[in-house]
């Protein structure tokens, strides 16, 4: 997956999550309504990325909480004790460097 496509896709996922959260603040719960879209998205990411790549992607999106509000204390380190995946750009570079894409990146 080309970087531009990856970045646009992740940003659109964030926009969608922001809209769902705004609706929830108005007492409109779209969680069940959006379950099928979420399943499709996760299924496609599982095809695009290797298992390890999807684990990192999922960690960044949901545990580090890129889709919500990034948790500053949530960090990951490489074997040399360098922090990795601080930003969405870092995540992409990490996935490419470690050959975690099943699709071409160029």
C-alpha atoms as a PDB file:
ATOM      1  CA  UNK A   1       0.000   0.000   0.000  1.00  0.00           C
ATOM      2  CA  UNK A   2       1.407   3.362  -0.972  1.00  0.00           C
ATOM      3  CA  UNK A   3       2.043   5.800   1.859  1.00  0.00           C
ATOM      4  CA  UNK A   4      -0.429   8.352   0.520  1.00  0.00           C
ATOM      5  CA  UNK A   5      -3.220   5.760   0.449  1.00  0.00           C
ATOM      6  CA  UNK A   6      -2.313   4.493   3.914  1.00  0.00           C
ATOM      7  CA  UNK A   7      -2.332   7.998   5.389  1.00  0.00           C
ATOM      8  CA  UNK A   8      -5.625   8.968   3.735  1.00  0.00           C
ATOM      9  CA  UNK A   9      -7.260   5.727   4.848  1.00  0.00           C
ATOM     10  CA  UNK A  10      -6.135   6.091   8.458  1.00  0.00           C
ATOM     11  CA  UNK A  11      -7.229   9.717   8.565  1.00  0.00           C
ATOM     12  CA  UNK A  12     -10.672   8.751   7.199  1.00  0.00           C
ATOM     13  CA  UNK A  13     -10.928   6.067   9.864  1.00  0.00           C
ATOM     14  CA  UNK A  14     -10.206   8.768  12.459  1.00  0.00           C
ATOM     15  CA  UNK A  15     -12.822  11.109  10.972  1.00  0.00           C
ATOM     16  CA  UNK A  16     -15.396   8.324  11.087  1.00  0.00           C
ATOM     17  CA  UNK A  17     -14.550   7.563  14.722  1.00  0.00           C
ATOM     18  CA  UNK A  18     -14.755  11.262  15.616  1.00  0.00           C
ATOM     19  CA  UNK A  19     -18.242  11.442  14.082  1.00  0.00           C
ATOM     20  CA  UNK A  20     -19.362   8.346  15.992  1.00  0.00           C
ATOM     21  CA  UNK A  21     -18.069   9.841  19.241  1.00  0.00           C
ATOM     22  CA  UNK A  22     -19.837  13.144  18.552  1.00  0.00           C
ATOM     23  CA  UNK A  23     -23.103  11.277  17.957  1.00  0.00           C
ATOM     24  CA  UNK A  24     -22.563   9.305  21.167  1.00  0.00           C
ATOM     25  CA  UNK A  25     -22.248  12.575  23.105  1.00  0.00           C
ATOM     26  CA  UNK A  26     -25.742  13.394  21.768  1.00  0.00           C
ATOM     27  CA  UNK A  27     -26.975  10.032  23.129  1.00  0.00           C
ATOM     28  CA  UNK A  28     -26.951   8.427  19.691  1.00  0.00           C
ATOM     29  CA  UNK A  29     -25.171   5.086  19.913  1.00  0.00           C
ATOM     30  CA  UNK A  30     -24.033   3.998  16.441  1.00  0.00           C
ATOM     31  CA  UNK A  31     -21.814   1.161  17.662  1.00  0.00           C
ATOM     32  CA  UNK A  32     -24.116  -1.690  16.611  1.00  0.00           C
ATOM     33  CA  UNK A  33     -25.067   0.120  13.413  1.00  0.00           C
ATOM     34  CA  UNK A  34     -21.391   0.382  12.426  1.00  0.00           C
ATOM     35  CA  UNK A  35     -20.385  -3.191  13.392  1.00  0.00           C
ATOM     36  CA  UNK A  36     -20.516  -4.438   9.794  1.00  0.00           C
ATOM     37  CA  UNK A  37     -18.364  -1.561   8.530  1.00  0.00           C
ATOM     38  CA  UNK A  38     -15.866  -2.217  11.290  1.00  0.00           C
ATOM     39  CA  UNK A  39     -15.767  -5.920  10.410  1.00  0.00           C
ATOM     40  CA  UNK A  40     -15.143  -5.123   6.734  1.00  0.00           C
ATOM     41  CA  UNK A  41     -12.383  -2.667   7.586  1.00  0.00           C
ATOM     42  CA  UNK A  42     -10.630  -5.093   9.935  1.00  0.00           C
ATOM     43  CA  UNK A  43     -10.938  -7.915   7.416  1.00  0.00           C
ATOM     44  CA  UNK A  44      -9.339  -5.813   4.688  1.00  0.00           C
ATOM     45  CA  UNK A  45      -6.490  -4.703   6.955  1.00  0.00           C
ATOM     46  CA  UNK A  46      -5.873  -8.378   7.729  1.00  0.00           C
ATOM     47  CA  UNK A  47      -5.409  -8.996   3.988  1.00  0.00           C
ATOM     48  CA  UNK A  48      -3.240  -5.919   3.409  1.00  0.00           C
ATOM     49  CA  UNK A  49      -0.946  -6.601   6.376  1.00  0.00           C
ATOM     50  CA  UNK A  50       0.800  -9.686   7.696  1.00  0.00           C
ATOM     51  CA  UNK A  51      -0.398 -11.032  11.046  1.00  0.00           C
ATOM     52  CA  UNK A  52       2.412  -9.177  12.846  1.00  0.00           C
ATOM     53  CA  UNK A  53       1.716  -6.038  10.832  1.00  0.00           C
ATOM     54  CA  UNK A  54      -1.973  -6.156  11.716  1.00  0.00           C
ATOM     55  CA  UNK A  55      -1.078  -6.601  15.394  1.00  0.00           C
ATOM     56  CA  UNK A  56       1.048  -3.420  15.273  1.00  0.00           C
ATOM     57  CA  UNK A  57      -1.580  -1.544  13.270  1.00  0.00           C
ATOM     58  CA  UNK A  58      -4.310  -2.571  15.695  1.00  0.00           C
ATOM     59  CA  UNK A  59      -2.146  -1.656  18.697  1.00  0.00           C
ATOM     60  CA  UNK A  60      -1.528   1.826  17.316  1.00  0.00           C
ATOM     61  CA  UNK A  61      -5.134   2.457  16.301  1.00  0.00           C
ATOM     62  CA  UNK A  62      -6.897   1.083  19.358  1.00  0.00           C
ATOM     63  CA  UNK A  63      -4.509   0.697  22.298  1.00  0.00           C
ATOM     64  CA  UNK A  64      -2.328   3.728  21.668  1.00  0.00           C
ATOM     65  CA  UNK A  65      -5.671   5.183  20.556  1.00  0.00           C
ATOM     66  CA  UNK A  66      -4.881   7.049  17.334  1.00  0.00           C
ATOM     67  CA  UNK A  67      -8.583   6.746  16.487  1.00  0.00           C
ATOM     68  CA  UNK A  68      -9.543   8.419  19.736  1.00  0.00           C
ATOM     69  CA  UNK A  69      -7.055  10.586  21.589  1.00  0.00           C
ATOM     70  CA  UNK A  70      -3.484   9.286  21.556  1.00  0.00           C
ATOM     71  CA  UNK A  71      -2.415   8.003  24.953  1.00  0.00           C
ATOM     72  CA  UNK A  72       0.948   9.644  25.539  1.00  0.00           C
ATOM     73  CA  UNK A  73       2.043   7.026  28.076  1.00  0.00           C
ATOM     74  CA  UNK A  74       1.356   4.140  25.661  1.00  0.00           C
ATOM     75  CA  UNK A  75       4.695   3.371  24.042  1.00  0.00           C
ATOM     76  CA  UNK A  76       6.468   0.631  22.133  1.00  0.00           C
ATOM     77  CA  UNK A  77      10.220   0.079  21.975  1.00  0.00           C
ATOM     78  CA  UNK A  78      12.560  -1.680  19.570  1.00  0.00           C
ATOM     79  CA  UNK A  79      15.355  -4.023  20.641  1.00  0.00           C
ATOM     80  CA  UNK A  80      17.718  -1.029  20.973  1.00  0.00           C
ATOM     81  CA  UNK A  81      15.344   0.706  23.425  1.00  0.00           C
ATOM     82  CA  UNK A  82      14.265   3.315  20.861  1.00  0.00           C
ATOM     83  CA  UNK A  83      10.624   4.337  20.960  1.00  0.00           C
ATOM     84  CA  UNK A  84       8.767   3.354  17.790  1.00  0.00           C
ATOM     85  CA  UNK A  85       5.372   4.207  16.310  1.00  0.00           C
ATOM     86  CA  UNK A  86       4.904   7.599  17.932  1.00  0.00           C
ATOM     87  CA  UNK A  87       2.927   8.942  14.966  1.00  0.00           C
ATOM     88  CA  UNK A  88       0.905   7.519  12.085  1.00  0.00           C
ATOM     89  CA  UNK A  89       3.861   8.357   9.826  1.00  0.00           C
ATOM     90  CA  UNK A  90       6.163   6.350  12.128  1.00  0.00           C
ATOM     91  CA  UNK A  91       3.718   3.441  12.023  1.00  0.00           C
ATOM     92  CA  UNK A  92       3.758   3.360   8.233  1.00  0.00           C
ATOM     93  CA  UNK A  93       7.553   3.490   8.104  1.00  0.00           C
ATOM     94  CA  UNK A  94       7.780   0.738  10.733  1.00  0.00           C
ATOM     95  CA  UNK A  95       5.382  -1.485   8.775  1.00  0.00           C
ATOM     96  CA  UNK A  96       7.360  -0.959   5.554  1.00  0.00           C
ATOM     97  CA  UNK A  97      10.776  -1.440   7.187  1.00  0.00           C
ATOM     98  CA  UNK A  98       9.677  -4.734   8.724  1.00  0.00           C
ATOM     99  CA  UNK A  99       7.968  -6.006   5.541  1.00  0.00           C
ATOM    100  CA  UNK A 100       4.586  -6.162   7.259  1.00  0.00           C
ATOM    101  CA  UNK A 101       2.632  -5.285   4.108  1.00  0.00           C
ATOM    102  CA  UNK A 102       1.283  -8.044   1.872  1.00  0.00           C
ATOM    103  CA  UNK A 103       0.802  -5.436  -0.855  1.00  0.00           C
ATOM    104  CA  UNK A 104       3.342  -3.321  -2.769  1.00  0.00           C
ATOM    105  CA  UNK A 105       4.351  -0.096  -1.018  1.00  0.00           C
ATOM    106  CA  UNK A 106       5.822   1.638  -4.074  1.00  0.00           C
END
